[in-house]
Protein backbone atom coordinates (compact mmCIF):
# COMPACT_ATOMS: atom_id res chain seq x y z
CA MET A 1 0.33 40.29 -50.68
CA LYS A 2 3.97 40.31 -49.53
CA TYR A 3 3.66 43.39 -47.32
CA PRO A 4 1.25 41.89 -44.75
CA LEU A 5 3.52 38.86 -44.41
CA LEU A 6 6.58 41.07 -43.92
CA ILE A 7 4.73 43.18 -41.39
CA ARG A 8 3.58 40.12 -39.50
CA ARG A 9 7.09 38.72 -39.38
CA ALA A 10 8.43 42.10 -38.25
CA MET A 11 5.90 42.13 -35.41
CA LEU A 12 6.85 38.61 -34.40
CA LEU A 13 10.52 39.56 -34.50
CA ALA A 14 9.85 42.56 -32.27
CA THR A 15 8.01 40.32 -29.83
CA SER A 16 10.91 37.87 -29.85
CA CYS A 17 13.40 40.66 -29.10
CA ALA A 18 11.29 41.75 -26.13
CA LEU A 19 11.18 38.21 -24.82
CA LEU A 20 14.93 37.93 -25.25
CA GLN A 21 15.45 41.10 -23.19
CA GLN A 22 13.27 39.68 -20.40
CA GLY A 23 15.01 36.30 -20.42
CA GLY A 24 11.90 34.56 -21.75
CA PHE A 25 13.82 32.03 -23.84
CA VAL A 26 17.32 31.10 -24.97
CA LEU A 27 18.29 31.02 -28.62
CA ALA A 28 19.64 27.77 -29.95
CA ALA A 29 23.44 27.57 -29.92
CA GLN A 30 25.40 27.18 -33.12
CA GLY A 31 26.91 23.80 -32.27
CA ASP A 32 25.52 20.47 -31.01
CA GLU A 33 26.95 21.07 -27.51
CA ALA A 34 24.43 23.86 -26.79
CA ALA A 35 21.51 22.20 -28.55
CA PRO A 36 18.20 21.76 -26.68
CA VAL A 37 17.83 18.49 -24.85
CA VAL A 38 14.41 16.84 -25.26
CA GLY A 39 12.78 14.05 -23.28
CA THR A 40 15.32 13.57 -20.48
CA ARG A 41 13.97 14.23 -17.01
CA PRO A 42 16.59 16.48 -15.35
CA ALA A 43 17.76 16.04 -11.78
CA ILE A 44 16.32 18.67 -9.45
CA ASN A 45 19.72 20.07 -8.65
CA THR A 46 20.88 20.22 -12.26
CA LEU A 47 18.10 22.22 -13.89
CA THR A 48 19.23 24.49 -16.72
CA PRO A 49 17.35 26.82 -19.08
CA GLN A 50 17.19 23.91 -21.58
CA PRO A 51 16.66 20.73 -19.57
CA VAL A 52 14.75 18.58 -22.01
CA ALA A 53 16.07 16.67 -24.99
CA GLU A 54 19.45 14.90 -25.26
CA ALA A 55 17.85 11.46 -25.32
CA LEU A 56 15.33 12.51 -27.97
CA ARG A 57 18.10 14.10 -30.03
CA ASN A 58 19.91 10.76 -29.86
CA ALA A 59 16.66 9.05 -30.84
CA ALA A 60 16.28 11.51 -33.69
CA SER A 61 19.82 10.73 -34.83
CA THR A 62 19.04 7.03 -34.86
CA ALA A 63 15.74 7.62 -36.66
CA SER A 64 17.36 9.87 -39.26
CA ALA A 65 19.80 7.12 -40.16
CA THR A 66 16.97 4.78 -41.11
CA SER A 67 14.22 7.22 -42.18
CA PRO A 68 13.84 9.42 -45.29
CA THR A 69 15.84 12.60 -45.60
CA ALA A 70 14.55 15.89 -44.15
CA GLY A 71 13.18 16.92 -47.50
CA ASP A 72 11.25 13.68 -47.86
CA ALA A 73 10.04 13.40 -44.23
CA GLN A 74 6.30 13.72 -43.80
CA GLY A 75 4.50 15.24 -40.82
CA ASN A 76 5.33 17.53 -37.93
CA VAL A 77 6.77 14.71 -35.81
CA ALA A 78 9.45 13.89 -38.37
CA GLU A 79 10.11 17.59 -38.95
CA LEU A 80 10.51 18.26 -35.24
CA MET A 81 12.84 15.32 -34.73
CA GLN A 82 14.99 16.48 -37.63
CA MET A 83 15.16 20.02 -36.25
CA ILE A 84 16.10 18.69 -32.82
CA HIS A 85 18.82 16.63 -34.46
CA ASP A 86 20.06 19.72 -36.30
CA ALA A 87 20.00 21.83 -33.09
CA LYS A 88 17.74 24.46 -34.62
CA LEU A 89 15.29 24.80 -31.71
CA SER A 90 15.13 26.47 -28.33
CA GLU A 91 13.19 24.72 -25.60
CA LEU A 92 10.86 27.18 -23.89
CA ARG A 93 8.82 24.97 -21.58
CA THR A 94 8.58 21.33 -20.53
CA THR A 95 6.21 19.53 -18.17
CA TYR A 96 6.62 15.99 -16.86
CA ASN A 97 4.02 13.76 -15.25
CA GLY A 98 5.24 10.22 -14.77
CA SER A 99 6.70 9.05 -18.07
CA TYR A 100 4.54 11.55 -20.02
CA GLY A 101 5.70 15.01 -21.03
CA ALA A 102 4.83 18.09 -23.03
CA SER A 103 7.33 20.54 -24.51
CA LEU A 104 7.14 23.92 -26.22
CA PHE A 105 9.92 24.66 -28.73
CA PHE A 106 10.75 27.77 -30.69
CA HIS A 107 12.47 28.02 -34.05
CA PRO A 108 13.99 31.55 -33.98
CA ARG A 109 14.89 31.70 -37.64
CA GLU A 110 11.34 30.99 -38.82
CA MET A 111 9.56 32.49 -35.78
CA THR A 112 7.69 29.20 -35.47
CA TYR A 113 6.56 27.26 -32.41
CA TYR A 114 6.37 23.49 -32.00
CA VAL A 115 4.27 21.92 -29.26
CA ALA A 116 5.02 18.26 -28.58
CA LEU A 117 3.35 15.57 -26.52
CA PHE A 118 5.52 12.55 -25.76
CA GLN A 119 5.72 9.44 -23.63
CA ASP A 120 8.93 7.77 -22.54
CA LYS A 121 10.98 9.92 -24.95
CA HIS A 122 8.77 9.14 -27.94
CA PHE A 123 6.73 11.90 -29.61
CA TRP A 124 3.22 11.03 -30.66
CA ARG A 125 1.69 14.48 -31.22
CA VAL A 126 3.39 17.60 -32.58
CA ILE A 127 1.58 20.84 -33.42
CA LYS A 128 3.29 23.59 -35.41
CA SER A 129 2.16 27.21 -35.19
CA GLU A 130 3.37 30.76 -35.83
CA ASP A 131 0.94 32.10 -33.23
CA MET A 132 2.60 32.29 -29.82
CA ALA A 133 -0.69 32.53 -27.91
CA ARG A 134 -2.09 29.48 -29.70
CA ALA A 135 1.12 27.55 -29.09
CA GLU A 136 0.99 28.42 -25.38
CA ALA A 137 -2.66 27.32 -25.20
CA ILE A 138 -1.89 24.03 -26.93
CA TYR A 139 1.05 23.48 -24.61
CA ALA A 140 -1.16 24.10 -21.57
CA GLY A 141 -3.66 21.56 -22.91
CA PHE A 142 -0.92 19.00 -23.54
CA ALA A 143 0.49 19.57 -20.05
CA GLN A 144 -2.95 18.96 -18.55
CA GLN A 145 -3.29 15.84 -20.68
CA THR A 146 0.01 14.46 -19.35
CA ALA A 147 -1.34 14.84 -15.81
CA GLN A 148 -4.46 12.87 -16.75
CA LEU A 149 -2.52 10.21 -18.63
CA ALA A 150 -0.06 9.77 -15.76
CA ASP A 151 -2.77 9.20 -13.13
CA VAL A 152 -2.84 5.42 -13.63
CA GLU A 153 0.95 5.27 -13.82
CA ILE A 154 1.34 7.28 -10.62
CA ARG A 155 -1.32 5.15 -8.93
CA ARG A 156 0.54 2.02 -10.00
CA THR A 157 3.77 3.42 -8.54
CA GLN A 158 1.99 4.19 -5.27
CA LEU A 159 0.42 0.73 -5.15
CA GLN A 160 3.79 -0.88 -5.82
CA ALA A 161 5.30 1.12 -2.96
CA GLN A 162 2.41 0.23 -0.65
CA LYS A 163 2.68 -3.46 -1.59
CA ALA A 164 6.44 -3.42 -0.95
CA TYR A 165 5.88 -1.64 2.36
CA ILE A 166 3.24 -4.18 3.45
CA GLU A 167 5.55 -7.03 2.44
CA ASP A 168 8.32 -5.47 4.54
CA VAL A 169 5.93 -5.16 7.49
CA ILE A 170 4.88 -8.79 7.02
CA ALA A 171 8.52 -9.89 6.92
CA MET A 172 9.30 -7.91 10.09
CA SER A 173 6.18 -9.28 11.79
CA GLU A 174 7.07 -12.83 10.84
CA ASP A 175 10.60 -12.31 12.14
CA ARG A 176 9.23 -10.89 15.38
CA ALA A 177 6.82 -13.83 15.64
CA LYS A 178 9.75 -16.24 15.24
CA ARG A 179 11.68 -14.38 17.93
CA LEU A 180 8.69 -14.42 20.27
CA GLN A 181 8.14 -18.13 19.55
CA ALA A 182 11.79 -18.81 20.36
CA ASP A 183 11.47 -16.80 23.59
CA LEU A 184 8.29 -18.69 24.42
CA GLU A 185 9.99 -22.04 23.89
CA VAL A 186 12.84 -20.94 26.17
CA ALA A 187 10.33 -19.73 28.75
CA ARG A 188 8.40 -23.01 28.59
CA THR A 189 11.57 -25.08 28.96
CA GLN A 190 12.79 -22.93 31.83
CA GLN A 191 9.34 -23.00 33.47
CA ALA A 192 9.37 -26.80 33.34
CA LYS A 193 12.79 -26.78 34.99
CA VAL A 194 11.57 -24.32 37.60
CA ASN A 195 8.51 -26.47 38.29
CA ASP A 196 10.70 -29.55 38.72
CA TYR A 197 13.03 -27.60 41.00
CA GLN A 198 10.06 -26.33 43.03
CA ARG A 199 8.70 -29.84 43.46
CA GLN A 200 12.13 -31.12 44.42
CA THR A 201 12.66 -28.24 46.86
CA GLN A 202 9.24 -28.70 48.39
CA GLY A 203 9.91 -32.40 48.86
CA GLU A 204 13.27 -31.67 50.44
CA ALA A 205 11.68 -29.02 52.66
CA ALA A 206 8.99 -31.49 53.79
CA THR A 207 11.65 -34.08 54.55
CA LEU A 208 13.73 -31.54 56.46
CA HIS A 209 10.67 -30.41 58.41
CA ALA A 210 9.92 -33.98 59.42
CA GLU A 211 13.54 -34.53 60.36
CA LYS A 212 13.52 -31.30 62.35
CA GLU A 213 10.40 -32.40 64.25
CA ARG A 214 12.04 -35.73 65.05
CA ALA A 215 15.21 -33.95 66.11
CA GLN A 216 13.29 -31.61 68.39
CA ALA A 217 11.44 -34.54 69.94
CA GLN A 218 14.74 -36.31 70.43
CA LEU A 219 16.20 -33.13 71.91
CA ARG A 220 13.37 -32.81 74.36
CA GLN A 221 13.81 -36.45 75.35
CA VAL A 222 17.54 -36.05 75.83
CA GLN A 223 17.10 -32.83 77.77
CA GLY A 224 14.57 -34.60 80.01
CA GLU A 225 17.00 -37.46 80.59
CA VAL A 226 19.81 -34.99 81.37
CA LEU A 227 17.63 -33.15 83.85
CA GLN A 228 16.59 -36.36 85.54
CA LEU A 229 20.19 -37.57 85.78
CA GLN A 230 21.28 -34.21 87.13
CA ARG A 231 18.63 -34.40 89.85
CA GLN A 232 19.71 -37.87 90.78
CA THR A 233 23.33 -36.77 90.88
CA GLU A 234 22.63 -33.81 93.14
CA MET A 235 20.27 -35.72 95.42
CA GLY A 236 21.14 -35.01 99.11
CA LEU A 237 23.19 -31.93 98.30
CA PRO A 238 22.30 -28.43 99.51
CA ILE A 239 20.08 -26.61 97.12
CA GLN A 240 21.96 -24.00 95.09
CA ARG A 241 20.69 -20.54 95.84
């Protein structure tokens, strides 16, 4: 019964070597500095072959201080967290949707895969398998599930942004309304002044017109008197040719 198991492990090892030659995954480093980082969303410009789990490793460290030892831990979740803490895994794939994520890990020494589903850096489902194809299929399903789970979260984020945008538009509109109201008040005040000035100017113009008419009448009278006096003065003199 041992030979089939040895053969199967040899085949898995050969597959792993081929993947290593093609750059399919990175083996876990010996120290904590090169350990896989789980659950931390990387910045776009700082992506590395192992972007996922520093925060989860820290969480695993905290959990290990208050939980049973590795030998006593029960379940794949506890086992995975302990292996992350011990830097025994390589992170092959990770998908994020909102605060939800799915990761595919590989334990080179045991030729074992771990598929994890987590939310906000907390695992809630972990599947362990020695079958790479099955692990990939489970990972694909988990990744699709994160997209579905994140729909409401993404919608909430969009609604929050839309609400904030509308509030900004309202604030700008109210500010513009206040400015227009201020301009309108200035225009009304100035219009009242202009109307008063127009009435005053029209009254002055009417008075000046009346005074001009009287002055013209007086001028005509004076001119008539001058002409009459001139005729009287020149009476009996030769007519000027």
